[in-house]
């Protein structure tokens, strides 16, 4: 029985709707030209899986990099604020103990205890001030933006604490708590009062007042760092999501191309 004259021969299914762009297809064929058909299929699935994995990992790495920078900025801001609070605490306590010397001239034992407390807070203040200077000179601080004006503050009051503590010790060395007669007690009180109202002590008070403003501005820097970290975490999520989607899309296209190649082999 002969075929009808108008009957058409069976044709292979058209894959135009599923074919990759010509440039991608040509690129893939050039790379795999020397491979056997079975190798092309195996490698195609492997590459598709590899792209999905590498793209996802790359997205996490990029996102983590942005997030890590923001975390470090927040840590630096918190470190600065903690140092400033510690400095303020030491300054206030040292000044408070020094001012208590005047009424305690009537109680030698308590005066000696108060002086020991003063020395303790003076040492702590000098230690914190040293750490604060080191932080202000660090690369992390100098390579980032700050609004609190810490370098200017340290430059203005750099020698004030040392001068204040030294002169307090000099004044205290002129007082013998154990052998304070009435006349010596009155002289000691006058000496202490004159120092308390003198220029060095008042300059030390100015440091405390200025420090309050620096802490206020440093708190704003800390809030900004927290906000930046939140933005970085959102950006990280977006980068990871986009990288996963792009990787999966690329892997799907390669998988489709490999399936088409496999179907053509089966039909042939």
Protein backbone atom coordinates (compact mmCIF):
# COMPACT_ATOMS: atom_id res chain seq x y z
CA UNK A 1 0.00 0.00 0.00
CA UNK A 2 1.48 3.32 -1.13
CA UNK A 3 1.47 6.45 0.89
CA UNK A 4 -0.83 9.27 0.01
CA UNK A 5 0.88 11.87 -2.20
CA UNK A 6 0.31 14.72 0.28
CA UNK A 7 1.39 12.77 3.35
CA UNK A 8 4.38 14.23 5.19
CA UNK A 9 7.27 12.24 6.52
CA UNK A 10 7.61 12.11 10.30
CA UNK A 11 9.85 14.88 11.64
CA UNK A 12 11.82 15.19 14.83
CA UNK A 13 10.15 17.35 17.45
CA UNK A 14 11.12 20.99 17.24
CA UNK A 15 13.20 22.17 20.18
CA UNK A 16 13.35 25.85 19.25
CA UNK A 17 11.27 26.82 22.24
CA UNK A 18 13.70 25.12 24.56
CA UNK A 19 16.98 25.82 22.79
CA UNK A 20 19.56 28.04 24.45
CA UNK A 21 20.65 31.23 22.73
CA UNK A 22 22.97 30.52 19.80
CA UNK A 23 25.97 32.14 21.44
CA UNK A 24 25.66 29.99 24.58
CA UNK A 25 25.07 26.86 22.53
CA UNK A 26 28.06 27.56 20.31
CA UNK A 27 30.25 28.25 23.31
CA UNK A 28 29.21 25.00 24.93
CA UNK A 29 29.79 23.04 21.71
CA UNK A 30 33.28 24.47 21.23
CA UNK A 31 34.25 23.44 24.74
CA UNK A 32 32.78 19.95 24.50
CA UNK A 33 33.64 19.26 20.83
CA UNK A 34 36.18 16.57 21.70
CA UNK A 35 33.96 14.82 24.21
CA UNK A 36 31.80 11.85 23.45
CA UNK A 37 28.04 12.26 23.63
CA UNK A 38 27.81 10.34 26.90
CA UNK A 39 30.58 12.48 28.37
CA UNK A 40 28.78 15.64 27.28
CA UNK A 41 25.65 14.51 29.06
CA UNK A 42 27.50 13.55 32.25
CA UNK A 43 29.58 16.71 32.31
CA UNK A 44 26.54 18.82 31.53
CA UNK A 45 24.73 17.63 34.62
CA UNK A 46 27.92 18.00 36.66
CA UNK A 47 28.49 21.56 35.47
CA UNK A 48 24.89 22.47 36.17
CA UNK A 49 25.21 21.20 39.73
CA UNK A 50 28.62 22.86 40.14
CA UNK A 51 27.32 26.25 38.99
CA UNK A 52 24.45 26.07 41.45
CA UNK A 53 26.79 25.22 44.33
CA UNK A 54 29.53 27.71 43.41
CA UNK A 55 27.08 30.52 42.82
CA UNK A 56 25.41 29.93 46.16
CA UNK A 57 28.72 29.74 48.01
CA UNK A 58 29.95 32.87 46.22
CA UNK A 59 26.82 34.72 47.26
CA UNK A 60 27.39 33.78 50.88
CA UNK A 61 31.04 34.89 50.70
CA UNK A 62 30.17 38.28 49.21
CA UNK A 63 27.33 38.80 51.66
CA UNK A 64 29.50 37.80 54.61
CA UNK A 65 32.19 40.26 53.52
CA UNK A 66 29.80 43.21 53.67
CA UNK A 67 28.35 41.99 56.94
CA UNK A 68 31.79 41.47 58.53
CA UNK A 69 32.84 45.04 57.77
CA UNK A 70 29.69 46.33 59.45
CA UNK A 71 30.26 44.06 62.46
CA UNK A 72 33.81 45.37 62.86
CA UNK A 73 32.56 48.97 62.64
CA UNK A 74 30.01 48.28 65.37
CA UNK A 75 32.65 46.63 67.56
CA UNK A 76 34.93 49.65 67.16
CA UNK A 77 32.09 52.04 68.01
CA UNK A 78 31.20 50.04 71.12
CA UNK A 79 34.85 49.87 72.17
CA UNK A 80 35.17 53.64 71.85
CA UNK A 81 31.99 54.30 73.80
CA UNK A 82 33.02 51.91 76.59
CA UNK A 83 36.42 53.58 76.89
CA UNK A 84 34.83 57.02 77.05
CA UNK A 85 32.40 55.91 79.76
CA UNK A 86 35.28 54.37 81.72
CA UNK A 87 37.27 57.58 81.40
CA UNK A 88 34.32 59.65 82.57
CA UNK A 89 33.78 57.37 85.55
CA UNK A 90 37.44 57.55 86.54
CA UNK A 91 37.56 61.34 86.21
CA UNK A 92 34.42 61.87 88.30
CA UNK A 93 35.50 59.45 91.03
CA UNK A 94 39.02 60.86 91.25
CA UNK A 95 37.67 64.41 91.51
CA UNK A 96 35.10 63.36 94.11
CA UNK A 97 37.71 61.68 96.31
CA UNK A 98 40.00 64.69 96.04
CA UNK A 99 37.24 67.04 97.15
CA UNK A 100 36.60 64.87 100.20
CA UNK A 101 40.09 65.58 101.52
CA UNK A 102 39.01 68.93 103.01
CA UNK A 103 36.37 67.71 105.52
CA UNK A 104 38.37 64.55 106.27
CA UNK A 105 41.33 66.49 107.66
CA UNK A 106 39.53 66.06 110.98
CA UNK A 107 39.71 62.27 110.61
CA UNK A 108 43.27 61.24 109.68
CA UNK A 109 42.45 57.55 109.17
CA UNK A 110 39.58 58.25 106.78
CA UNK A 111 41.70 60.84 104.99
CA UNK A 112 44.36 58.25 104.31
CA UNK A 113 41.75 55.79 103.03
CA UNK A 114 40.26 58.47 100.78
CA UNK A 115 43.68 59.29 99.39
CA UNK A 116 44.29 55.62 98.58
CA UNK A 117 40.97 55.51 96.71
CA UNK A 118 42.02 58.62 94.82
CA UNK A 119 45.30 56.99 93.78
CA UNK A 120 43.43 53.90 92.62
CA UNK A 121 41.06 55.87 90.38
CA UNK A 122 43.90 58.07 89.15
CA UNK A 123 45.79 54.99 87.94
CA UNK A 124 42.66 53.57 86.29
CA UNK A 125 41.97 56.89 84.55
CA UNK A 126 45.50 57.13 83.18
CA UNK A 127 45.27 53.55 81.90
CA UNK A 128 41.96 54.17 80.13
CA UNK A 129 43.27 57.42 78.69
CA UNK A 130 46.28 55.56 77.29
CA UNK A 131 43.99 52.96 75.68
CA UNK A 132 41.80 55.71 74.24
CA UNK A 133 44.80 57.43 72.67
CA UNK A 134 45.96 54.15 71.15
CA UNK A 135 42.48 53.57 69.74
CA UNK A 136 42.31 57.09 68.24
CA UNK A 137 45.67 56.48 66.53
CA UNK A 138 44.68 53.07 65.17
CA UNK A 139 44.03 52.42 61.49
CA UNK A 140 40.47 51.29 62.18
CA UNK A 141 39.60 54.65 63.70
CA UNK A 142 41.44 56.81 61.18
CA UNK A 143 40.01 54.95 58.18
CA UNK A 144 36.39 55.47 59.25
CA UNK A 145 34.16 58.47 59.75
CA UNK A 146 33.46 59.79 63.24
CA UNK A 147 31.46 62.73 64.52
CA UNK A 148 32.59 62.90 68.15
CA UNK A 149 35.87 64.78 67.58
CA UNK A 150 37.91 62.43 69.75
CA UNK A 151 41.36 63.42 68.39
CA UNK A 152 40.67 67.10 69.08
CA UNK A 153 39.45 66.32 72.58
CA UNK A 154 42.54 64.26 73.37
CA UNK A 155 44.83 66.93 71.99
CA UNK A 156 43.17 69.66 74.05
CA UNK A 157 43.15 67.75 77.34
CA UNK A 158 46.12 65.44 76.80
CA UNK A 159 48.22 66.77 79.68
CA UNK A 160 45.38 67.78 82.01
CA UNK A 161 44.86 64.49 83.92
CA UNK A 162 48.58 63.92 84.42
CA UNK A 163 49.08 67.49 85.69
CA UNK A 164 46.06 67.26 87.97
CA UNK A 165 47.06 63.94 89.51
CA UNK A 166 50.65 65.05 90.00
CA UNK A 167 49.65 68.25 91.77
CA UNK A 168 47.18 66.44 94.02
CA UNK A 169 50.02 64.16 95.10
CA UNK A 170 52.24 67.18 95.70
CA UNK A 171 49.58 68.84 97.86
CA UNK A 172 48.94 65.61 99.76
CA UNK A 173 52.66 65.21 100.44
CA UNK A 174 52.57 68.50 102.36
CA UNK A 175 49.96 67.14 104.77
CA UNK A 176 50.77 64.75 107.59
CA UNK A 177 47.40 63.24 108.61
CA UNK A 178 48.79 61.67 111.78
CA UNK A 179 50.24 64.86 113.26
CA UNK A 180 47.59 67.41 112.35
CA UNK A 181 47.26 69.97 115.13
CA UNK A 182 44.48 72.53 114.98
CA UNK A 183 46.72 75.06 113.25
CA UNK A 184 48.08 72.49 110.83
CA UNK A 185 44.57 71.26 110.11
CA UNK A 186 43.40 74.76 109.20
CA UNK A 187 46.48 75.26 107.01
CA UNK A 188 45.84 71.92 105.32
CA UNK A 189 42.21 72.80 104.67
CA UNK A 190 43.22 76.13 103.12
CA UNK A 191 45.84 74.41 100.97
CA UNK A 192 43.32 71.86 99.76
CA UNK A 193 40.62 74.48 99.18
CA UNK A 194 42.96 76.68 97.16
CA UNK A 195 43.89 73.73 94.99
CA UNK A 196 40.26 72.65 94.57
CA UNK A 197 39.35 76.09 93.23
CA UNK A 198 42.61 76.54 91.33
CA UNK A 199 43.16 76.53 87.55
CA UNK A 200 44.42 72.95 87.31
CA UNK A 201 41.42 71.49 89.14
CA UNK A 202 39.02 73.67 87.14
CA UNK A 203 40.68 72.53 83.92
CA UNK A 204 40.13 68.97 85.09
CA UNK A 205 36.45 69.81 85.61
CA UNK A 206 36.38 71.20 82.06
CA UNK A 207 37.67 67.88 80.80
CA UNK A 208 34.74 66.16 82.49
CA UNK A 209 32.23 68.58 80.96
CA UNK A 210 33.69 68.24 77.48
CA UNK A 211 33.78 64.48 77.86
CA UNK A 212 30.01 64.46 78.31
CA UNK A 213 29.56 66.01 74.86
CA UNK A 214 32.06 63.62 73.28
CA UNK A 215 30.15 60.66 74.75
CA UNK A 216 26.89 62.02 73.36
CA UNK A 217 28.33 62.23 69.85
CA UNK A 218 30.02 58.86 70.20
CA UNK A 219 26.64 57.35 71.07
CA UNK A 220 25.34 58.68 67.77
CA UNK A 221 28.23 56.96 65.99
CA UNK A 222 27.30 53.73 67.75
CA UNK A 223 23.68 54.05 66.65
CA UNK A 224 24.83 54.68 63.09
CA UNK A 225 27.02 51.57 63.24
CA UNK A 226 24.03 49.53 64.43
CA UNK A 227 21.95 50.89 61.54
CA UNK A 228 24.74 50.13 59.07
CA UNK A 229 24.96 46.56 60.36
CA UNK A 230 21.22 46.10 59.88
CA UNK A 231 21.54 47.41 56.30
CA UNK A 232 24.48 45.07 55.68
CA UNK A 233 22.48 42.09 56.92
CA UNK A 234 19.66 42.98 54.53
CA UNK A 235 22.15 43.42 51.69
CA UNK A 236 23.71 40.06 52.53
CA UNK A 237 20.31 38.40 52.30
CA UNK A 238 19.66 40.07 48.94
CA UNK A 239 23.06 39.09 47.54
CA UNK A 240 22.65 35.48 48.65
CA UNK A 241 19.11 35.30 47.28
CA UNK A 242 20.06 36.78 43.90
CA UNK A 243 23.13 34.58 43.58
CA UNK A 244 21.08 31.48 44.35
CA UNK A 245 18.43 32.44 41.79
CA UNK A 246 21.01 33.21 39.09
CA UNK A 247 22.93 30.03 39.83
CA UNK A 248 19.81 27.88 39.74
CA UNK A 249 18.63 29.57 36.53
CA UNK A 250 21.99 28.95 34.84
CA UNK A 251 22.02 25.37 36.07
CA UNK A 252 18.50 24.82 34.75
CA UNK A 253 19.46 26.15 31.31
CA UNK A 254 22.45 23.82 31.16
CA UNK A 255 20.33 20.93 32.35
CA UNK A 256 17.74 21.68 29.67
CA UNK A 257 20.43 21.77 27.00
CA UNK A 258 21.82 18.46 28.25
CA UNK A 259 18.33 16.90 28.23
CA UNK A 260 17.79 18.08 24.66
CA UNK A 261 21.08 16.53 23.63
CA UNK A 262 20.12 13.28 25.36
CA UNK A 263 16.67 13.22 23.69
CA UNK A 264 18.21 13.75 20.26
CA UNK A 265 20.56 10.83 20.86
CA UNK A 266 17.67 8.59 21.91
CA UNK A 267 15.66 9.51 18.80
CA UNK A 268 18.61 8.86 16.51
